[in-house]
Amino acid sequence: MTAFVITNPEMNALYGLSGLAWKIYLILRAAMDYATGIVGVVKKISLSSLAEQAETHVPRGRGAQAKRPSPMQVRTALDSLSRAGLIEKRVVVGLIFFLPLARRDVVCPKQTQQSDNTNPTRKTPRTQQATQHSETPPPRGFEEHTQQATQQSGNTTENRMTPQTQHTSGDPISGRESKGDTPLPTPTARTRARASQPPVLPGWIDPQTWHDYETHRKALRKPLVNGSIAHVLRDLEKLRAQGHDPNAVLSQSIVRGWVGVFPLHEDSQPKTQPPSKPEDTRLGPAGRATLQAAERWLNNAQENPDD
């Protein structure tokens, strides 16, 4: 494996990213072609291969347990690297990236080490040349090499792309469509019913009574909409044909706390009658005759006390 140096712009871009994103970027830097700064052309890479190289070994007892990230987690890490400006995807299908912040000159391990007597802040000619080389634009053959790799990957997947996928646009890594390409939702039947004009009340309905009924429905948290108004009017028309007064029907629903409309109910309360004297059933015919005679005698005695 060729040694490489992580520059300050790369460290600043990596700041705040997840540990998996750091691992993926180091794997891409190790596999980068130093002539062009591209990864994935000379040596193919895939989500599974990146996940295999980024696995972590956690100690478990005397052994270790390997934890490998999923392809979705690797794709999320690539998305974060792309948003940070560390990688740029060159093809729609496949994993071919350009690393714009990476140094493309080969540095030997001995050159990266510094002795105790050297000044770390002093720039050597080799360091100055590498800095100038990182600030220069890509080499002349870089664009042609990228176009050839794009054409090769595009020809293999041209037959599999449908017209719907060819016209969609969005993030090439995540495959999400942009918000501007999503079609506007069509109005539903409920939306069209709400947008339509409310029905006109017939002349045989009192406007004040209807207003009171609407207020009553709002108080019950069952407000009238255009569809329900039409149903109520049809029910009132049927009750009117049966001989019921529509305004009285509405008033009945308001008084009784009903949501709908129903035929009129006559309030029939039982009439109160004076309680009758209970008849003593314990006496027989002879006893009742004796009792009546005694009552007559008492009445006569009260009327003629002198006798």
Protein backbone atom coordinates (compact mmCIF):
# COMPACT_ATOMS: atom_id res chain seq x y z
CA MET A 1 0.00 0.00 0.00
CA THR A 2 1.35 3.40 -0.99
CA ALA A 3 1.71 5.91 1.84
CA PHE A 4 -0.37 9.05 1.69
CA VAL A 5 -0.69 12.30 3.62
CA ILE A 6 -3.94 13.80 4.93
CA THR A 7 -3.87 17.56 4.34
CA ASN A 8 -5.37 20.28 6.49
CA PRO A 9 -8.30 20.92 4.09
CA GLU A 10 -9.17 17.22 4.32
CA MET A 11 -9.02 17.31 8.12
CA ASN A 12 -11.25 20.39 8.22
CA ALA A 13 -13.78 18.70 5.91
CA LEU A 14 -13.72 15.48 7.96
CA TYR A 15 -14.36 17.38 11.20
CA GLY A 16 -17.74 16.43 12.64
CA LEU A 17 -18.33 13.35 10.45
CA SER A 18 -18.98 9.88 11.82
CA GLY A 19 -16.30 7.30 12.45
CA LEU A 20 -17.57 5.18 9.57
CA ALA A 21 -17.20 8.16 7.22
CA TRP A 22 -13.58 8.55 8.33
CA LYS A 23 -12.90 4.87 7.65
CA ILE A 24 -14.54 4.99 4.20
CA TYR A 25 -12.53 8.07 3.23
CA LEU A 26 -9.24 6.50 4.34
CA ILE A 27 -10.09 3.38 2.30
CA LEU A 28 -10.81 5.55 -0.75
CA ARG A 29 -7.56 7.51 -0.25
CA ALA A 30 -5.57 4.29 -0.11
CA ALA A 31 -7.18 3.05 -3.36
CA MET A 32 -6.89 6.41 -5.23
CA ASP A 33 -5.05 6.62 -8.55
CA TYR A 34 -2.41 9.30 -7.95
CA ALA A 35 -2.20 10.15 -11.64
CA THR A 36 -5.84 11.24 -11.89
CA GLY A 37 -7.17 11.40 -8.32
CA ILE A 38 -9.97 8.92 -9.21
CA VAL A 39 -11.08 5.87 -7.23
CA GLY A 40 -12.93 2.95 -8.77
CA VAL A 41 -11.53 2.82 -12.32
CA VAL A 42 -8.29 0.85 -11.98
CA LYS A 43 -9.58 -1.17 -9.04
CA LYS A 44 -13.34 -1.62 -8.81
CA ILE A 45 -15.05 -0.92 -5.50
CA SER A 46 -18.52 -1.77 -4.23
CA LEU A 47 -20.63 -1.22 -1.14
CA SER A 48 -19.94 -4.74 0.10
CA SER A 49 -16.17 -4.38 -0.32
CA LEU A 50 -16.18 -1.07 1.53
CA ALA A 51 -18.27 -2.60 4.31
CA GLU A 52 -15.85 -5.54 4.57
CA GLN A 53 -12.82 -3.24 4.88
CA ALA A 54 -14.58 -0.99 7.41
CA GLU A 55 -15.60 -3.75 9.83
CA THR A 56 -14.69 -3.37 13.51
CA HIS A 57 -13.40 -6.13 15.83
CA VAL A 58 -14.80 -5.81 19.36
CA PRO A 59 -13.16 -7.91 22.14
CA ARG A 60 -15.51 -10.56 23.55
CA GLY A 61 -13.96 -12.63 26.31
CA ARG A 62 -10.84 -14.31 24.92
CA GLY A 63 -11.81 -13.64 21.33
CA ALA A 64 -13.19 -10.79 19.24
CA GLN A 65 -16.48 -10.18 17.50
CA ALA A 66 -16.49 -8.62 14.03
CA LYS A 67 -19.13 -5.93 13.40
CA ARG A 68 -19.58 -5.07 9.74
CA PRO A 69 -21.67 -2.05 8.65
CA SER A 70 -24.58 -2.58 6.30
CA PRO A 71 -24.57 -1.34 2.68
CA MET A 72 -27.13 1.30 3.65
CA GLN A 73 -24.80 2.63 6.34
CA VAL A 74 -21.93 2.73 3.84
CA ARG A 75 -24.14 4.64 1.38
CA THR A 76 -25.05 7.12 4.13
CA ALA A 77 -21.34 7.64 4.89
CA LEU A 78 -20.68 8.29 1.18
CA ASP A 79 -23.50 10.83 1.15
CA SER A 80 -21.94 12.68 4.09
CA LEU A 81 -18.51 12.69 2.36
CA SER A 82 -20.13 14.05 -0.80
CA ARG A 83 -21.89 16.83 1.11
CA ALA A 84 -18.60 17.74 2.83
CA GLY A 85 -16.89 18.15 -0.56
CA LEU A 86 -14.42 15.29 -0.02
CA ILE A 87 -15.64 13.11 -2.93
CA GLU A 88 -17.40 13.79 -6.21
CA LYS A 89 -19.24 11.05 -8.04
CA ARG A 90 -18.41 10.88 -11.76
CA VAL A 91 -20.93 8.29 -13.00
CA VAL A 92 -24.62 7.70 -12.35
CA VAL A 93 -24.31 3.92 -11.97
CA GLY A 94 -21.38 2.40 -10.12
CA LEU A 95 -18.88 3.75 -7.60
CA ILE A 96 -16.32 6.00 -9.29
CA PHE A 97 -15.26 9.03 -7.26
CA PHE A 98 -12.91 11.96 -7.68
CA LEU A 99 -11.14 13.22 -4.54
CA PRO A 100 -10.65 16.97 -5.06
CA LEU A 101 -8.87 17.70 -1.74
CA ALA A 102 -6.40 14.79 -1.86
CA ARG A 103 -2.73 15.22 -2.72
CA ARG A 104 -1.88 13.33 -5.87
CA ASP A 105 1.92 13.10 -5.44
CA VAL A 106 3.49 9.92 -4.06
CA VAL A 107 5.14 10.43 -0.66
CA CYS A 108 7.49 7.79 0.70
CA PRO A 109 7.25 6.89 4.38
CA LYS A 110 10.78 8.15 5.05
CA GLN A 111 9.92 11.56 3.69
CA THR A 112 6.93 11.93 6.01
CA GLN A 113 9.13 11.41 9.08
CA GLN A 114 10.99 14.33 10.63
CA SER A 115 14.14 14.14 12.67
CA ASP A 116 14.53 15.79 16.04
CA ASN A 117 16.82 18.49 14.61
CA THR A 118 14.49 19.61 11.78
CA ASN A 119 12.12 22.49 12.19
CA PRO A 120 8.51 21.29 11.72
CA THR A 121 7.43 24.72 10.46
CA ARG A 122 10.14 24.88 7.79
CA LYS A 123 9.00 24.04 4.27
CA THR A 124 11.32 21.87 2.23
CA PRO A 125 11.46 22.13 -1.58
CA ARG A 126 9.63 18.83 -1.76
CA THR A 127 6.81 20.22 0.43
CA GLN A 128 6.60 23.43 -1.57
CA GLN A 129 6.42 21.46 -4.83
CA ALA A 130 3.66 19.23 -3.42
CA THR A 131 1.69 22.27 -2.23
CA GLN A 132 1.93 23.91 -5.63
CA HIS A 133 0.96 20.65 -7.31
CA SER A 134 -2.18 20.30 -5.10
CA GLU A 135 -3.28 23.82 -6.06
CA THR A 136 -2.88 23.24 -9.80
CA PRO A 137 -5.88 22.10 -11.89
CA PRO A 138 -6.26 18.39 -12.84
CA PRO A 139 -3.85 17.01 -15.47
CA ARG A 140 -4.61 17.20 -19.16
CA GLY A 141 -5.62 13.57 -19.58
CA PHE A 142 -7.94 13.63 -16.57
CA GLU A 143 -11.06 14.77 -18.46
CA GLU A 144 -10.57 12.25 -21.30
CA HIS A 145 -10.00 9.44 -18.80
CA THR A 146 -13.18 10.41 -16.90
CA GLN A 147 -15.27 10.59 -20.10
CA GLN A 148 -14.10 7.13 -21.19
CA ALA A 149 -14.98 5.63 -17.79
CA THR A 150 -18.39 7.32 -17.90
CA GLN A 151 -19.13 6.02 -21.41
CA GLN A 152 -18.12 2.47 -20.49
CA SER A 153 -20.33 2.40 -17.40
CA GLY A 154 -23.19 4.11 -19.24
CA ASN A 155 -23.22 1.68 -22.17
CA THR A 156 -23.61 -1.33 -19.87
CA THR A 157 -26.67 0.11 -18.14
CA GLU A 158 -28.32 1.97 -21.04
CA ASN A 159 -30.69 -0.91 -21.81
CA ARG A 160 -31.77 -1.23 -18.21
CA MET A 161 -32.71 2.43 -17.75
CA THR A 162 -36.37 3.24 -18.32
CA PRO A 163 -37.63 6.61 -19.59
CA GLN A 164 -38.83 7.40 -16.10
CA THR A 165 -35.35 6.96 -14.60
CA GLN A 166 -33.68 8.87 -17.43
CA HIS A 167 -35.70 12.03 -16.81
CA THR A 168 -35.44 12.04 -13.01
CA SER A 169 -32.86 14.21 -11.35
CA GLY A 170 -31.53 14.35 -7.82
CA ASP A 171 -28.66 13.07 -5.72
CA PRO A 172 -26.65 10.50 -7.77
CA ILE A 173 -25.52 8.64 -4.65
CA SER A 174 -28.78 8.37 -2.75
CA GLY A 175 -30.93 8.20 -5.91
CA ARG A 176 -33.52 10.59 -4.49
CA GLU A 177 -35.47 12.81 -6.83
CA SER A 178 -35.41 16.55 -6.45
CA LYS A 179 -38.48 18.29 -5.11
CA GLY A 180 -38.96 20.21 -8.35
CA ASP A 181 -39.66 17.06 -10.40
CA THR A 182 -42.44 15.70 -8.19
CA PRO A 183 -45.88 16.16 -9.81
CA LEU A 184 -48.46 18.27 -8.05
CA PRO A 185 -51.18 16.26 -6.27
CA THR A 186 -54.52 16.17 -8.02
CA PRO A 187 -57.54 17.46 -6.07
CA THR A 188 -59.59 14.71 -4.48
CA ALA A 189 -63.37 14.40 -4.43
CA ARG A 190 -63.50 15.81 -0.91
CA THR A 191 -61.46 18.85 -1.94
CA ARG A 192 -63.70 19.46 -4.92
CA ALA A 193 -66.81 19.14 -2.71
CA ARG A 194 -65.47 21.70 -0.25
CA ALA A 195 -64.55 24.07 -3.07
CA SER A 196 -68.03 23.90 -4.62
CA GLN A 197 -70.77 26.39 -3.74
CA PRO A 198 -73.11 25.50 -0.83
CA PRO A 199 -76.66 24.49 -1.82
CA VAL A 200 -79.43 27.11 -1.74
CA LEU A 201 -82.02 26.79 1.03
CA PRO A 202 -85.62 26.27 -0.14
CA GLY A 203 -88.27 28.84 0.67
CA TRP A 204 -90.11 26.65 3.20
CA ILE A 205 -87.17 26.78 5.65
CA ASP A 206 -86.83 29.73 8.01
CA PRO A 207 -83.29 31.23 7.70
CA GLN A 208 -83.09 31.98 11.43
CA THR A 209 -84.08 28.43 12.33
CA TRP A 210 -81.49 27.08 9.88
CA HIS A 211 -78.83 29.38 11.38
CA ASP A 212 -79.68 28.09 14.86
CA TYR A 213 -79.36 24.53 13.58
CA GLU A 214 -75.92 25.29 12.09
CA THR A 215 -74.79 26.77 15.41
CA HIS A 216 -76.14 23.69 17.18
CA ARG A 217 -74.14 21.38 14.88
CA LYS A 218 -70.95 23.40 15.50
CA ALA A 219 -71.49 23.10 19.24
CA LEU A 220 -71.72 19.31 18.84
CA ARG A 221 -68.44 19.35 16.81
CA LYS A 222 -70.37 18.11 13.79
CA PRO A 223 -70.34 21.16 11.54
CA LEU A 224 -72.33 21.20 8.34
CA VAL A 225 -70.43 20.89 5.06
CA ASN A 226 -71.81 20.97 1.54
CA GLY A 227 -72.35 17.20 1.40
CA SER A 228 -74.10 16.97 4.77
CA ILE A 229 -76.27 20.02 3.99
CA ALA A 230 -77.59 18.24 0.91
CA HIS A 231 -78.43 15.13 2.99
CA VAL A 232 -80.25 17.19 5.65
CA LEU A 233 -82.27 19.03 3.00
CA ARG A 234 -83.30 15.72 1.38
CA ASP A 235 -84.41 14.35 4.77
CA LEU A 236 -86.39 17.52 5.50
CA GLU A 237 -88.08 17.29 2.12
CA LYS A 238 -89.15 13.70 2.85
CA LEU A 239 -90.49 14.68 6.28
CA ARG A 240 -92.33 17.63 4.73
CA ALA A 241 -93.97 15.25 2.26
CA GLN A 242 -95.11 13.15 5.24
CA GLY A 243 -96.83 16.17 6.80
CA HIS A 244 -94.17 17.35 9.28
CA ASP A 245 -93.17 20.98 9.56
CA PRO A 246 -89.45 21.29 8.59
CA ASN A 247 -88.86 24.23 10.94
CA ALA A 248 -90.42 22.30 13.83
CA VAL A 249 -88.25 19.30 12.96
CA LEU A 250 -85.12 21.49 13.12
CA SER A 251 -86.22 22.99 16.42
CA GLN A 252 -86.86 19.49 17.80
CA SER A 253 -83.27 18.44 16.91
CA ILE A 254 -81.89 21.56 18.60
CA VAL A 255 -83.92 21.04 21.80
CA ARG A 256 -83.24 17.32 22.10
CA GLY A 257 -79.53 17.64 21.17
CA TRP A 258 -79.77 15.49 18.03
CA VAL A 259 -77.37 15.68 15.09
CA GLY A 260 -79.83 14.59 12.39
CA VAL A 261 -83.48 15.33 11.70
CA PHE A 262 -86.33 12.98 12.63
CA PRO A 263 -90.16 12.94 12.61
CA LEU A 264 -91.90 14.99 15.25
CA HIS A 265 -92.62 13.26 18.60
CA GLU A 266 -95.75 14.16 20.63
CA ASP A 267 -94.95 14.61 24.28
CA SER A 268 -97.59 12.50 26.09
CA GLN A 269 -97.46 12.73 29.85
CA PRO A 270 -99.88 10.70 32.05
CA LYS A 271 -102.64 12.78 33.69
CA THR A 272 -102.55 12.90 37.45
CA GLN A 273 -105.77 11.63 39.12
CA PRO A 274 -106.65 11.94 42.79
CA PRO A 275 -105.88 8.78 44.67
CA SER A 276 -108.95 6.66 45.31
CA LYS A 277 -109.79 5.29 48.69
CA PRO A 278 -108.44 1.80 48.94
CA GLU A 279 -111.09 -0.83 49.39
CA ASP A 280 -110.73 -3.08 52.36
CA THR A 281 -110.73 -6.56 50.95
CA ARG A 282 -110.31 -8.26 54.30
CA LEU A 283 -114.06 -7.94 55.14
CA GLY A 284 -116.66 -10.16 53.69
CA PRO A 285 -120.15 -9.09 52.46
CA ALA A 286 -121.68 -9.15 55.95
CA GLY A 287 -118.76 -7.16 57.40
CA ARG A 288 -119.00 -4.51 54.68
CA ALA A 289 -122.78 -4.17 55.28
CA THR A 290 -122.19 -3.75 59.03
CA LEU A 291 -119.49 -1.13 58.32
CA GLN A 292 -121.78 0.84 56.05
CA ALA A 293 -124.56 0.79 58.65
CA ALA A 294 -122.15 2.05 61.29
CA GLU A 295 -121.04 4.90 59.01
CA ARG A 296 -124.68 5.89 58.40
CA TRP A 297 -125.37 5.89 62.13
CA LEU A 298 -122.35 8.11 62.79
CA ASN A 299 -123.43 10.54 60.12
CA ASN A 300 -126.93 10.76 61.59
CA ALA A 301 -125.49 11.23 65.05
CA GLN A 302 -123.35 14.14 63.84
CA GLU A 303 -126.30 15.75 62.09
CA ASN A 304 -128.78 15.29 65.01
CA PRO A 305 -126.73 15.39 68.19
CA ASP A 306 -129.90 15.87 70.40
CA ASP A 307 -131.41 12.58 69.31
